[in-house]
Amino acid sequence: MAITATVLGDNHRYQINPKIKVYSLTDVGFQQTKLGNFHLEQPISGNSPYVESYKLKIKIMQNLKDLRIDTTDNSGMHVINIFKLKDNQEVIEQYNYAIKNLLDREILTIV
């Protein structure tokens, strides 16, 4: 894990906001794992909100300093670059919306 993270193809680097609170993580949908880490899987799909095509996966370690962000296929096993997909405009729009929500709620900051 790293203190800063980037998504494959994204120009921005993100880090955990120093003002983060544990309850704010659960408010936006993070779930705490058995080891005490926080994990969020959010579907980002292009055409239909009911069909999962890609996932935004974010993991924050229990020390609230280390971060990992990935975009994956539907299975969650393969990291993909959503910025190189054909007809990716709606997928990128949903990705940006999800990241903006985390920035607005002071969970992440741009480095």
PDB file of N, CA and C in Angstrom:
ATOM      1  N   MET A   1       0.832  -1.184   0.000  1.00  0.00           N
ATOM      2  CA  MET A   1       0.000   0.000   0.000  1.00  0.00           C
ATOM      3  C   MET A   1       0.875   1.245   0.000  1.00  0.00           C
ATOM      4  N   ALA A   2       0.316   2.294  -0.528  1.00  0.00           N
ATOM      5  CA  ALA A   2       1.057   3.545  -0.630  1.00  0.00           C
ATOM      6  C   ALA A   2       0.262   4.671   0.028  1.00  0.00           C
ATOM      7  N   ILE A   3       0.957   5.730   0.345  1.00  0.00           N
ATOM      8  CA  ILE A   3       0.298   6.892   0.929  1.00  0.00           C
ATOM      9  C   ILE A   3      -0.498   7.630  -0.143  1.00  0.00           C
ATOM     10  N   THR A   4       0.003   7.647  -1.370  1.00  0.00           N
ATOM     11  CA  THR A   4      -0.739   8.225  -2.487  1.00  0.00           C
ATOM     12  C   THR A   4      -1.095   7.114  -3.464  1.00  0.00           C
ATOM     13  N   ALA A   5      -2.182   7.331  -4.204  1.00  0.00           N
ATOM     14  CA  ALA A   5      -2.622   6.322  -5.165  1.00  0.00           C
ATOM     15  C   ALA A   5      -3.150   7.015  -6.408  1.00  0.00           C
ATOM     16  N   THR A   6      -3.093   6.301  -7.507  1.00  0.00           N
ATOM     17  CA  THR A   6      -3.642   6.794  -8.755  1.00  0.00           C
ATOM     18  C   THR A   6      -4.361   5.653  -9.452  1.00  0.00           C
ATOM     19  N   VAL A   7      -5.330   6.001 -10.263  1.00  0.00           N
ATOM     20  CA  VAL A   7      -6.049   5.019 -11.064  1.00  0.00           C
ATOM     21  C   VAL A   7      -5.377   4.958 -12.421  1.00  0.00           C
ATOM     22  N   LEU A   8      -5.252   3.761 -12.955  1.00  0.00           N
ATOM     23  CA  LEU A   8      -4.624   3.553 -14.250  1.00  0.00           C
ATOM     24  C   LEU A   8      -5.284   4.448 -15.300  1.00  0.00           C
ATOM     25  N   GLY A   9      -4.519   5.366 -15.879  1.00  0.00           N
ATOM     26  CA  GLY A   9      -5.019   6.270 -16.905  1.00  0.00           C
ATOM     27  C   GLY A   9      -5.439   7.638 -16.393  1.00  0.00           C
ATOM     28  N   ASP A  10      -5.629   7.786 -15.091  1.00  0.00           N
ATOM     29  CA  ASP A  10      -6.040   9.072 -14.516  1.00  0.00           C
ATOM     30  C   ASP A  10      -4.802   9.932 -14.285  1.00  0.00           C
ATOM     31  N   ASN A  11      -4.932  11.237 -14.513  1.00  0.00           N
ATOM     32  CA  ASN A  11      -3.810  12.160 -14.344  1.00  0.00           C
ATOM     33  C   ASN A  11      -3.621  12.614 -12.898  1.00  0.00           C
ATOM     34  N   HIS A  12      -4.611  12.381 -12.053  1.00  0.00           N
ATOM     35  CA  HIS A  12      -4.556  12.851 -10.670  1.00  0.00           C
ATOM     36  C   HIS A  12      -4.013  11.774  -9.744  1.00  0.00           C
ATOM     37  N   ARG A  13      -3.329  12.239  -8.692  1.00  0.00           N
ATOM     38  CA  ARG A  13      -2.897  11.354  -7.606  1.00  0.00           C
ATOM     39  C   ARG A  13      -3.711  11.745  -6.375  1.00  0.00           C
ATOM     40  N   TYR A  14      -4.127  10.742  -5.635  1.00  0.00           N
ATOM     41  CA  TYR A  14      -4.980  10.965  -4.477  1.00  0.00           C
ATOM     42  C   TYR A  14      -4.287  10.477  -3.213  1.00  0.00           C
ATOM     43  N   GLN A  15      -4.644  11.101  -2.103  1.00  0.00           N
ATOM     44  CA  GLN A  15      -4.203  10.624  -0.799  1.00  0.00           C
ATOM     45  C   GLN A  15      -5.372  10.779   0.161  1.00  0.00           C
ATOM     46  N   ILE A  16      -5.264  10.127   1.289  1.00  0.00           N
ATOM     47  CA  ILE A  16      -6.311  10.207   2.296  1.00  0.00           C
ATOM     48  C   ILE A  16      -6.220  11.567   2.977  1.00  0.00           C
ATOM     49  N   ASN A  17      -7.368  12.196   3.141  1.00  0.00           N
ATOM     50  CA  ASN A  17      -7.429  13.501   3.793  1.00  0.00           C
ATOM     51  C   ASN A  17      -6.994  13.359   5.254  1.00  0.00           C
ATOM     52  N   PRO A  18      -6.099  14.208   5.728  1.00  0.00           N
ATOM     53  CA  PRO A  18      -5.645  14.114   7.125  1.00  0.00           C
ATOM     54  C   PRO A  18      -6.771  14.325   8.142  1.00  0.00           C
ATOM     55  N   LYS A  19      -7.869  14.973   7.731  1.00  0.00           N
ATOM     56  CA  LYS A  19      -8.991  15.228   8.637  1.00  0.00           C
ATOM     57  C   LYS A  19     -10.017  14.095   8.647  1.00  0.00           C
ATOM     58  N   ILE A  20      -9.694  12.954   8.042  1.00  0.00           N
ATOM     59  CA  ILE A  20     -10.655  11.868   7.891  1.00  0.00           C
ATOM     60  C   ILE A  20     -11.100  11.310   9.245  1.00  0.00           C
ATOM     61  N   LYS A  21     -12.362  10.931   9.306  1.00  0.00           N
ATOM     62  CA  LYS A  21     -12.939  10.286  10.484  1.00  0.00           C
ATOM     63  C   LYS A  21     -13.486   8.926  10.052  1.00  0.00           C
ATOM     64  N   VAL A  22     -13.425   7.954  10.943  1.00  0.00           N
ATOM     65  CA  VAL A  22     -13.881   6.602  10.617  1.00  0.00           C
ATOM     66  C   VAL A  22     -15.362   6.602  10.245  1.00  0.00           C
ATOM     67  N   TYR A  23     -16.179   7.364  10.959  1.00  0.00           N
ATOM     68  CA  TYR A  23     -17.611   7.358  10.668  1.00  0.00           C
ATOM     69  C   TYR A  23     -17.918   7.926   9.286  1.00  0.00           C
ATOM     70  N   SER A  24     -17.072   8.823   8.778  1.00  0.00           N
ATOM     71  CA  SER A  24     -17.316   9.353   7.436  1.00  0.00           C
ATOM     72  C   SER A  24     -17.087   8.281   6.376  1.00  0.00           C
ATOM     73  N   LEU A  25     -16.210   7.321   6.646  1.00  0.00           N
ATOM     74  CA  LEU A  25     -16.003   6.210   5.714  1.00  0.00           C
ATOM     75  C   LEU A  25     -17.255   5.346   5.622  1.00  0.00           C
ATOM     76  N   THR A  26     -17.845   5.024   6.763  1.00  0.00           N
ATOM     77  CA  THR A  26     -19.045   4.191   6.739  1.00  0.00           C
ATOM     78  C   THR A  26     -20.236   4.946   6.152  1.00  0.00           C
ATOM     79  N   ASP A  27     -20.255   6.259   6.293  1.00  0.00           N
ATOM     80  CA  ASP A  27     -21.339   7.061   5.721  1.00  0.00           C
ATOM     81  C   ASP A  27     -21.394   6.971   4.202  1.00  0.00           C
ATOM     82  N   VAL A  28     -20.242   6.823   3.544  1.00  0.00           N
ATOM     83  CA  VAL A  28     -20.224   6.766   2.077  1.00  0.00           C
ATOM     84  C   VAL A  28     -20.192   5.337   1.540  1.00  0.00           C
ATOM     85  N   GLY A  29     -20.267   4.340   2.430  1.00  0.00           N
ATOM     86  CA  GLY A  29     -20.385   2.968   1.963  1.00  0.00           C
ATOM     87  C   GLY A  29     -19.185   2.068   2.175  1.00  0.00           C
ATOM     88  N   PHE A  30     -18.136   2.555   2.813  1.00  0.00           N
ATOM     89  CA  PHE A  30     -16.997   1.692   3.114  1.00  0.00           C
ATOM     90  C   PHE A  30     -17.426   0.653   4.148  1.00  0.00           C
ATOM     91  N   GLN A  31     -16.907  -0.553   3.995  1.00  0.00           N
ATOM     92  CA  GLN A  31     -17.158  -1.615   4.961  1.00  0.00           C
ATOM     93  C   GLN A  31     -15.842  -1.983   5.626  1.00  0.00           C
ATOM     94  N   GLN A  32     -15.913  -2.249   6.915  1.00  0.00           N
ATOM     95  CA  GLN A  32     -14.703  -2.607   7.647  1.00  0.00           C
ATOM     96  C   GLN A  32     -14.487  -4.113   7.546  1.00  0.00           C
ATOM     97  N   THR A  33     -13.257  -4.505   7.204  1.00  0.00           N
ATOM     98  CA  THR A  33     -12.915  -5.918   7.078  1.00  0.00           C
ATOM     99  C   THR A  33     -12.552  -6.493   8.446  1.00  0.00           C
ATOM    100  N   LYS A  34     -12.338  -7.798   8.490  1.00  0.00           N
ATOM    101  CA  LYS A  34     -11.965  -8.459   9.745  1.00  0.00           C
ATOM    102  C   LYS A  34     -10.648  -7.930  10.301  1.00  0.00           C
ATOM    103  N   LEU A  35      -9.762  -7.493   9.410  1.00  0.00           N
ATOM    104  CA  LEU A  35      -8.463  -6.970   9.842  1.00  0.00           C
ATOM    105  C   LEU A  35      -8.510  -5.500  10.240  1.00  0.00           C
ATOM    106  N   GLY A  36      -9.676  -4.858  10.088  1.00  0.00           N
ATOM    107  CA  GLY A  36      -9.804  -3.460  10.467  1.00  0.00           C
ATOM    108  C   GLY A  36      -9.596  -2.475   9.332  1.00  0.00           C
ATOM    109  N   ASN A  37      -9.336  -2.968   8.128  1.00  0.00           N
ATOM    110  CA  ASN A  37      -9.192  -2.097   6.964  1.00  0.00           C
ATOM    111  C   ASN A  37     -10.573  -1.700   6.456  1.00  0.00           C
ATOM    112  N   PHE A  38     -10.620  -0.707   5.579  1.00  0.00           N
ATOM    113  CA  PHE A  38     -11.882  -0.243   5.016  1.00  0.00           C
ATOM    114  C   PHE A  38     -11.870  -0.474   3.514  1.00  0.00           C
ATOM    115  N   HIS A  39     -12.985  -0.995   2.992  1.00  0.00           N
ATOM    116  CA  HIS A  39     -13.057  -1.414   1.600  1.00  0.00           C
ATOM    117  C   HIS A  39     -14.351  -0.885   0.981  1.00  0.00           C
ATOM    118  N   LEU A  40     -14.235  -0.318  -0.217  1.00  0.00           N
ATOM    119  CA  LEU A  40     -15.402   0.159  -0.959  1.00  0.00           C
ATOM    120  C   LEU A  40     -15.341  -0.404  -2.365  1.00  0.00           C
ATOM    121  N   GLU A  41     -16.438  -1.015  -2.810  1.00  0.00           N
ATOM    122  CA  GLU A  41     -16.591  -1.449  -4.200  1.00  0.00           C
ATOM    123  C   GLU A  41     -17.821  -0.757  -4.737  1.00  0.00           C
ATOM    124  N   GLN A  42     -17.622   0.081  -5.733  1.00  0.00           N
ATOM    125  CA  GLN A  42     -18.732   0.828  -6.304  1.00  0.00           C
ATOM    126  C   GLN A  42     -18.828   0.528  -7.787  1.00  0.00           C
ATOM    127  N   PRO A  43     -20.000   0.078  -8.253  1.00  0.00           N
ATOM    128  CA  PRO A  43     -20.134  -0.188  -9.686  1.00  0.00           C
ATOM    129  C   PRO A  43     -20.114   1.116 -10.481  1.00  0.00           C
ATOM    130  N   ILE A  44     -19.399   1.104 -11.583  1.00  0.00           N
ATOM    131  CA  ILE A  44     -19.436   2.216 -12.534  1.00  0.00           C
ATOM    132  C   ILE A  44     -19.722   1.594 -13.892  1.00  0.00           C
ATOM    133  N   SER A  45     -20.916   1.842 -14.386  1.00  0.00           N
ATOM    134  CA  SER A  45     -21.304   1.246 -15.659  1.00  0.00           C
ATOM    135  C   SER A  45     -21.744   2.346 -16.597  1.00  0.00           C
ATOM    136  N   GLY A  46     -21.578   2.099 -17.863  1.00  0.00           N
ATOM    137  CA  GLY A  46     -21.836   3.133 -18.845  1.00  0.00           C
ATOM    138  C   GLY A  46     -23.293   3.386 -19.134  1.00  0.00           C
ATOM    139  N   ASN A  47     -23.981   2.401 -19.650  1.00  0.00           N
ATOM    140  CA  ASN A  47     -25.315   2.628 -20.183  1.00  0.00           C
ATOM    141  C   ASN A  47     -26.428   2.440 -19.170  1.00  0.00           C
ATOM    142  N   SER A  48     -26.355   1.423 -18.369  1.00  0.00           N
ATOM    143  CA  SER A  48     -27.447   1.088 -17.471  1.00  0.00           C
ATOM    144  C   SER A  48     -26.969   1.063 -16.027  1.00  0.00           C
ATOM    145  N   PRO A  49     -27.732   1.656 -15.126  1.00  0.00           N
ATOM    146  CA  PRO A  49     -27.355   1.579 -13.718  1.00  0.00           C
ATOM    147  C   PRO A  49     -27.604   0.196 -13.120  1.00  0.00           C
ATOM    148  N   TYR A  50     -28.296  -0.673 -13.864  1.00  0.00           N
ATOM    149  CA  TYR A  50     -28.636  -2.000 -13.359  1.00  0.00           C
ATOM    150  C   TYR A  50     -27.675  -3.079 -13.826  1.00  0.00           C
ATOM    151  N   VAL A  51     -26.804  -2.753 -14.777  1.00  0.00           N
ATOM    152  CA  VAL A  51     -25.854  -3.728 -15.308  1.00  0.00           C
ATOM    153  C   VAL A  51     -24.452  -3.299 -14.882  1.00  0.00           C
ATOM    154  N   GLU A  52     -23.831  -4.117 -14.033  1.00  0.00           N
ATOM    155  CA  GLU A  52     -22.455  -3.823 -13.615  1.00  0.00           C
ATOM    156  C   GLU A  52     -21.509  -4.171 -14.744  1.00  0.00           C
ATOM    157  N   SER A  53     -20.709  -3.205 -15.159  1.00  0.00           N
ATOM    158  CA  SER A  53     -19.710  -3.521 -16.170  1.00  0.00           C
ATOM    159  C   SER A  53     -18.297  -3.293 -15.638  1.00  0.00           C
ATOM    160  N   TYR A  54     -18.129  -2.338 -14.749  1.00  0.00           N
ATOM    161  CA  TYR A  54     -16.819  -2.047 -14.164  1.00  0.00           C
ATOM    162  C   TYR A  54     -17.018  -1.688 -12.695  1.00  0.00           C
ATOM    163  N   LYS A  55     -15.936  -1.760 -11.938  1.00  0.00           N
ATOM    164  CA  LYS A  55     -16.002  -1.429 -10.514  1.00  0.00           C
ATOM    165  C   LYS A  55     -14.878  -0.477 -10.141  1.00  0.00           C
ATOM    166  N   LEU A  56     -15.188   0.429  -9.257  1.00  0.00           N
ATOM    167  CA  LEU A  56     -14.189   1.266  -8.609  1.00  0.00           C
ATOM    168  C   LEU A  56     -13.942   0.642  -7.242  1.00  0.00           C
ATOM    169  N   LYS A  57     -12.708   0.217  -7.003  1.00  0.00           N
ATOM    170  CA  LYS A  57     -12.359  -0.441  -5.742  1.00  0.00           C
ATOM    171  C   LYS A  57     -11.363   0.432  -4.986  1.00  0.00           C
ATOM    172  N   ILE A  58     -11.712   0.747  -3.745  1.00  0.00           N
ATOM    173  CA  ILE A  58     -10.853   1.579  -2.906  1.00  0.00           C
ATOM    174  C   ILE A  58     -10.626   0.847  -1.590  1.00  0.00           C
ATOM    175  N   LYS A  59      -9.375   0.775  -1.184  1.00  0.00           N
ATOM    176  CA  LYS A  59      -9.023   0.140   0.083  1.00  0.00           C
ATOM    177  C   LYS A  59      -8.197   1.123   0.901  1.00  0.00           C
ATOM    178  N   ILE A  60      -8.629   1.338   2.133  1.00  0.00           N
ATOM    179  CA  ILE A  60      -7.920   2.198   3.079  1.00  0.00           C
ATOM    180  C   ILE A  60      -7.520   1.326   4.263  1.00  0.00           C
ATOM    181  N   MET A  61      -6.243   1.349   4.580  1.00  0.00           N
ATOM    182  CA  MET A  61      -5.740   0.527   5.681  1.00  0.00           C
ATOM    183  C   MET A  61      -6.195   1.108   7.019  1.00  0.00           C
ATOM    184  N   GLN A  62      -6.156   0.287   8.054  1.00  0.00           N
ATOM    185  CA  GLN A  62      -6.674   0.679   9.367  1.00  0.00           C
ATOM    186  C   GLN A  62      -5.942   1.861   9.983  1.00  0.00           C
ATOM    187  N   ASN A  63      -4.704   2.125   9.542  1.00  0.00           N
ATOM    188  CA  ASN A  63      -3.975   3.284  10.068  1.00  0.00           C
ATOM    189  C   ASN A  63      -4.460   4.599   9.454  1.00  0.00           C
ATOM    190  N   LEU A  64      -5.387   4.514   8.491  1.00  0.00           N
ATOM    191  CA  LEU A  64      -5.976   5.665   7.790  1.00  0.00           C
ATOM    192  C   LEU A  64      -4.928   6.514   7.083  1.00  0.00           C
ATOM    193  N   LYS A  65      -3.857   5.874   6.630  1.00  0.00           N
ATOM    194  CA  LYS A  65      -2.815   6.572   5.880  1.00  0.00           C
ATOM    195  C   LYS A  65      -2.534   5.915   4.531  1.00  0.00           C
ATOM    196  N   ASP A  66      -2.615   4.595   4.459  1.00  0.00           N
ATOM    197  CA  ASP A  66      -2.294   3.868   3.231  1.00  0.00           C
ATOM    198  C   ASP A  66      -3.555   3.651   2.402  1.00  0.00           C
ATOM    199  N   LEU A  67      -3.392   3.774   1.075  1.00  0.00           N
ATOM    200  CA  LEU A  67      -4.527   3.819   0.162  1.00  0.00           C
ATOM    201  C   LEU A  67      -4.226   3.037  -1.104  1.00  0.00           C
ATOM    202  N   ARG A  68      -5.268   2.392  -1.640  1.00  0.00           N
ATOM    203  CA  ARG A  68      -5.164   1.745  -2.948  1.00  0.00           C
ATOM    204  C   ARG A  68      -6.472   1.995  -3.686  1.00  0.00           C
ATOM    205  N   ILE A  69      -6.365   2.425  -4.956  1.00  0.00           N
ATOM    206  CA  ILE A  69      -7.536   2.683  -5.789  1.00  0.00           C
ATOM    207  C   ILE A  69      -7.334   1.966  -7.117  1.00  0.00           C
ATOM    208  N   ASP A  70      -8.352   1.212  -7.552  1.00  0.00           N
ATOM    209  CA  ASP A  70      -8.294   0.510  -8.836  1.00  0.00           C
ATOM    210  C   ASP A  70      -9.645   0.581  -9.524  1.00  0.00           C
ATOM    211  N   THR A  71      -9.629   0.511 -10.843  1.00  0.00           N
ATOM    212  CA  THR A  71     -10.835   0.255 -11.618  1.00  0.00           C
ATOM    213  C   THR A  71     -10.667  -1.136 -12.206  1.00  0.00           C
ATOM    214  N   THR A  72     -11.692  -1.965 -12.046  1.00  0.00           N
ATOM    215  CA  THR A  72     -11.595  -3.357 -12.467  1.00  0.00           C
ATOM    216  C   THR A  72     -12.756  -3.720 -13.378  1.00  0.00           C
ATOM    217  N   ASP A  73     -12.646  -4.913 -13.966  1.00  0.00           N
ATOM    218  CA  ASP A  73     -13.763  -5.437 -14.738  1.00  0.00           C
ATOM    219  C   ASP A  73     -14.851  -5.897 -13.766  1.00  0.00           C
ATOM    220  N   ASN A  74     -15.924  -6.461 -14.312  1.00  0.00           N
ATOM    221  CA  ASN A  74     -17.067  -6.866 -13.500  1.00  0.00           C
ATOM    222  C   ASN A  74     -16.699  -7.891 -12.437  1.00  0.00           C
ATOM    223  N   SER A  75     -15.744  -8.761 -12.730  1.00  0.00           N
ATOM    224  CA  SER A  75     -15.357  -9.790 -11.761  1.00  0.00           C
ATOM    225  C   SER A  75     -14.560  -9.201 -10.597  1.00  0.00           C
ATOM    226  N   GLY A  76     -13.971  -8.044 -10.791  1.00  0.00           N
ATOM    227  CA  GLY A  76     -13.156  -7.422  -9.758  1.00  0.00           C
ATOM    228  C   GLY A  76     -11.741  -7.960  -9.697  1.00  0.00           C
ATOM    229  N   MET A  77     -11.395  -8.837 -10.630  1.00  0.00           N
ATOM    230  CA  MET A  77     -10.093  -9.501 -10.602  1.00  0.00           C
ATOM    231  C   MET A  77      -9.044  -8.826 -11.487  1.00  0.00           C
ATOM    232  N   HIS A  78      -9.474  -8.143 -12.539  1.00  0.00           N
ATOM    233  CA  HIS A  78      -8.541  -7.596 -13.519  1.00  0.00           C
ATOM    234  C   HIS A  78      -8.609  -6.072 -13.526  1.00  0.00           C
ATOM    235  N   VAL A  79      -7.484  -5.436 -13.258  1.00  0.00           N
ATOM    236  CA  VAL A  79      -7.406  -3.974 -13.290  1.00  0.00           C
ATOM    237  C   VAL A  79      -7.443  -3.528 -14.746  1.00  0.00           C
ATOM    238  N   ILE A  80      -8.284  -2.528 -15.038  1.00  0.00           N
ATOM    239  CA  ILE A  80      -8.411  -2.030 -16.408  1.00  0.00           C
ATOM    240  C   ILE A  80      -8.241  -0.516 -16.426  1.00  0.00           C
ATOM    241  N   ASN A  81      -7.941  -0.007 -17.598  1.00  0.00           N
ATOM    242  CA  ASN A  81      -7.831   1.431 -17.821  1.00  0.00           C
ATOM    243  C   ASN A  81      -9.126   1.886 -18.478  1.00  0.00           C
ATOM    244  N   ILE A  82     -10.029   2.474 -17.701  1.00  0.00           N
ATOM    245  CA  ILE A  82     -11.318   2.889 -18.251  1.00  0.00           C
ATOM    246  C   ILE A  82     -11.173   4.056 -19.219  1.00  0.00           C
ATOM    247  N   PHE A  83     -10.054   4.746 -19.173  1.00  0.00           N
ATOM    248  CA  PHE A  83      -9.843   5.900 -20.040  1.00  0.00           C
ATOM    249  C   PHE A  83      -9.508   5.486 -21.468  1.00  0.00           C
ATOM    250  N   LYS A  84      -9.160   4.219 -21.680  1.00  0.00           N
ATOM    251  CA  LYS A  84      -8.851   3.727 -23.020  1.00  0.00           C
ATOM    252  C   LYS A  84      -9.974   2.886 -23.619  1.00  0.00           C
ATOM    253  N   LEU A  85     -11.103   2.790 -22.923  1.00  0.00           N
ATOM    254  CA  LEU A  85     -12.216   1.994 -23.423  1.00  0.00           C
ATOM    255  C   LEU A  85     -12.901   2.694 -24.588  1.00  0.00           C
ATOM    256  N   LYS A  86     -13.486   1.905 -25.458  1.00  0.00           N
ATOM    257  CA  LYS A  86     -14.282   2.446 -26.555  1.00  0.00           C
ATOM    258  C   LYS A  86     -15.612   2.931 -25.967  1.00  0.00           C
ATOM    259  N   ASP A  87     -16.086   4.075 -26.390  1.00  0.00           N
ATOM    260  CA  ASP A  87     -17.334   4.668 -25.882  1.00  0.00           C
ATOM    261  C   ASP A  87     -17.317   4.761 -24.355  1.00  0.00           C
ATOM    262  N   ASN A  88     -16.305   5.409 -23.817  1.00  0.00           N
ATOM    263  CA  ASN A  88     -16.085   5.435 -22.376  1.00  0.00           C
ATOM    264  C   ASN A  88     -16.636   6.669 -21.677  1.00  0.00           C
ATOM    265  N   GLN A  89     -17.288   7.564 -22.378  1.00  0.00           N
ATOM    266  CA  GLN A  89     -17.677   8.849 -21.810  1.00  0.00           C
ATOM    267  C   GLN A  89     -18.554   8.698 -20.568  1.00  0.00           C
ATOM    268  N   GLU A  90     -19.559   7.816 -20.627  1.00  0.00           N
ATOM    269  CA  GLU A  90     -20.456   7.650 -19.481  1.00  0.00           C
ATOM    270  C   GLU A  90     -19.756   6.965 -18.310  1.00  0.00           C
ATOM    271  N   VAL A  91     -18.860   6.033 -18.597  1.00  0.00           N
ATOM    272  CA  VAL A  91     -18.108   5.346 -17.541  1.00  0.00           C
ATOM    273  C   VAL A  91     -17.200   6.341 -16.826  1.00  0.00           C
ATOM    274  N   ILE A  92     -16.515   7.177 -17.587  1.00  0.00           N
ATOM    275  CA  ILE A  92     -15.629   8.183 -16.988  1.00  0.00           C
ATOM    276  C   ILE A  92     -16.437   9.205 -16.195  1.00  0.00           C
ATOM    277  N   GLU A  93     -17.614   9.557 -16.680  1.00  0.00           N
ATOM    278  CA  GLU A  93     -18.470  10.493 -15.955  1.00  0.00           C
ATOM    279  C   GLU A  93     -18.869   9.916 -14.590  1.00  0.00           C
ATOM    280  N   GLN A  94     -19.226   8.642 -14.544  1.00  0.00           N
ATOM    281  CA  GLN A  94     -19.590   8.017 -13.268  1.00  0.00           C
ATOM    282  C   GLN A  94     -18.375   7.871 -12.350  1.00  0.00           C
ATOM    283  N   TYR A  95     -17.223   7.569 -12.926  1.00  0.00           N
ATOM    284  CA  TYR A  95     -15.984   7.497 -12.137  1.00  0.00           C
ATOM    285  C   TYR A  95     -15.691   8.863 -11.504  1.00  0.00           C
ATOM    286  N   ASN A  96     -15.755   9.925 -12.313  1.00  0.00           N
ATOM    287  CA  ASN A  96     -15.490  11.276 -11.803  1.00  0.00           C
ATOM    288  C   ASN A  96     -16.490  11.673 -10.724  1.00  0.00           C
ATOM    289  N   TYR A  97     -17.746  11.265 -10.891  1.00  0.00           N
ATOM    290  CA  TYR A  97     -18.770  11.562  -9.884  1.00  0.00           C
ATOM    291  C   TYR A  97     -18.435  10.872  -8.559  1.00  0.00           C
ATOM    292  N   ALA A  98     -18.022   9.608  -8.622  1.00  0.00           N
ATOM    293  CA  ALA A  98     -17.682   8.857  -7.408  1.00  0.00           C
ATOM    294  C   ALA A  98     -16.473   9.476  -6.704  1.00  0.00           C
ATOM    295  N   ILE A  99     -15.456   9.845  -7.473  1.00  0.00           N
ATOM    296  CA  ILE A  99     -14.258  10.461  -6.886  1.00  0.00           C
ATOM    297  C   ILE A  99     -14.593  11.838  -6.311  1.00  0.00           C
ATOM    298  N   LYS A 100     -15.405  12.616  -7.032  1.00  0.00           N
ATOM    299  CA  LYS A 100     -15.792  13.947  -6.548  1.00  0.00           C
ATOM    300  C   LYS A 100     -16.545  13.842  -5.222  1.00  0.00           C
ATOM    301  N   ASN A 101     -17.394  12.825  -5.095  1.00  0.00           N
ATOM    302  CA  ASN A 101     -18.113  12.612  -3.845  1.00  0.00           C
ATOM    303  C   ASN A 101     -17.136  12.376  -2.690  1.00  0.00           C
ATOM    304  N   LEU A 102     -16.104  11.582  -2.921  1.00  0.00           N
ATOM    305  CA  LEU A 102     -15.110  11.312  -1.880  1.00  0.00           C
ATOM    306  C   LEU A 102     -14.265  12.551  -1.572  1.00  0.00           C
ATOM    307  N   LEU A 103     -14.022  13.377  -2.581  1.00  0.00           N
ATOM    308  CA  LEU A 103     -13.298  14.633  -2.357  1.00  0.00           C
ATOM    309  C   LEU A 103     -14.162  15.620  -1.572  1.00  0.00           C
ATOM    310  N   ASP A 104     -15.437  15.728  -1.942  1.00  0.00           N
ATOM    311  CA  ASP A 104     -16.348  16.656  -1.268  1.00  0.00           C
ATOM    312  C   ASP A 104     -16.563  16.290   0.197  1.00  0.00           C
ATOM    313  N   ARG A 105     -16.562  15.016   0.491  1.00  0.00           N
ATOM    314  CA  ARG A 105     -16.774  14.559   1.867  1.00  0.00           C
ATOM    315  C   ARG A 105     -15.476  14.483   2.667  1.00  0.00           C
ATOM    316  N   GLU A 106     -14.414  15.002   2.088  1.00  0.00           N
ATOM    317  CA  GLU A 106     -13.102  15.100   2.737  1.00  0.00           C
ATOM    318  C   GLU A 106     -12.547  13.739   3.155  1.00  0.00           C
ATOM    319  N   ILE A 107     -12.753  12.742   2.287  1.00  0.00           N
ATOM    320  CA  ILE A 107     -12.143  11.432   2.494  1.00  0.00           C
ATOM    321  C   ILE A 107     -10.834  11.367   1.724  1.00  0.00           C
ATOM    322  N   LEU A 108     -10.836  11.888   0.499  1.00  0.00           N
ATOM    323  CA  LEU A 108      -9.634  11.942  -0.325  1.00  0.00           C
ATOM    324  C   LEU A 108      -9.263  13.389  -0.609  1.00  0.00           C
ATOM    325  N   THR A 109      -8.002  13.613  -0.938  1.00  0.00           N
ATOM    326  CA  THR A 109      -7.537  14.898  -1.448  1.00  0.00           C
ATOM    327  C   THR A 109      -6.668  14.635  -2.668  1.00  0.00           C
ATOM    328  N   ILE A 110      -6.590  15.621  -3.545  1.00  0.00           N
ATOM    329  CA  ILE A 110      -5.724  15.523  -4.722  1.00  0.00           C
ATOM    330  C   ILE A 110      -4.342  16.016  -4.330  1.00  0.00           C
ATOM    331  N   VAL A 111      -3.329  15.255  -4.711  1.00  0.00           N
ATOM    332  CA  VAL A 111      -1.944  15.620  -4.398  1.00  0.00           C
ATOM    333  C   VAL A 111      -1.403  16.473  -5.525  1.00  0.00           C
TER     334      VAL A 111
END
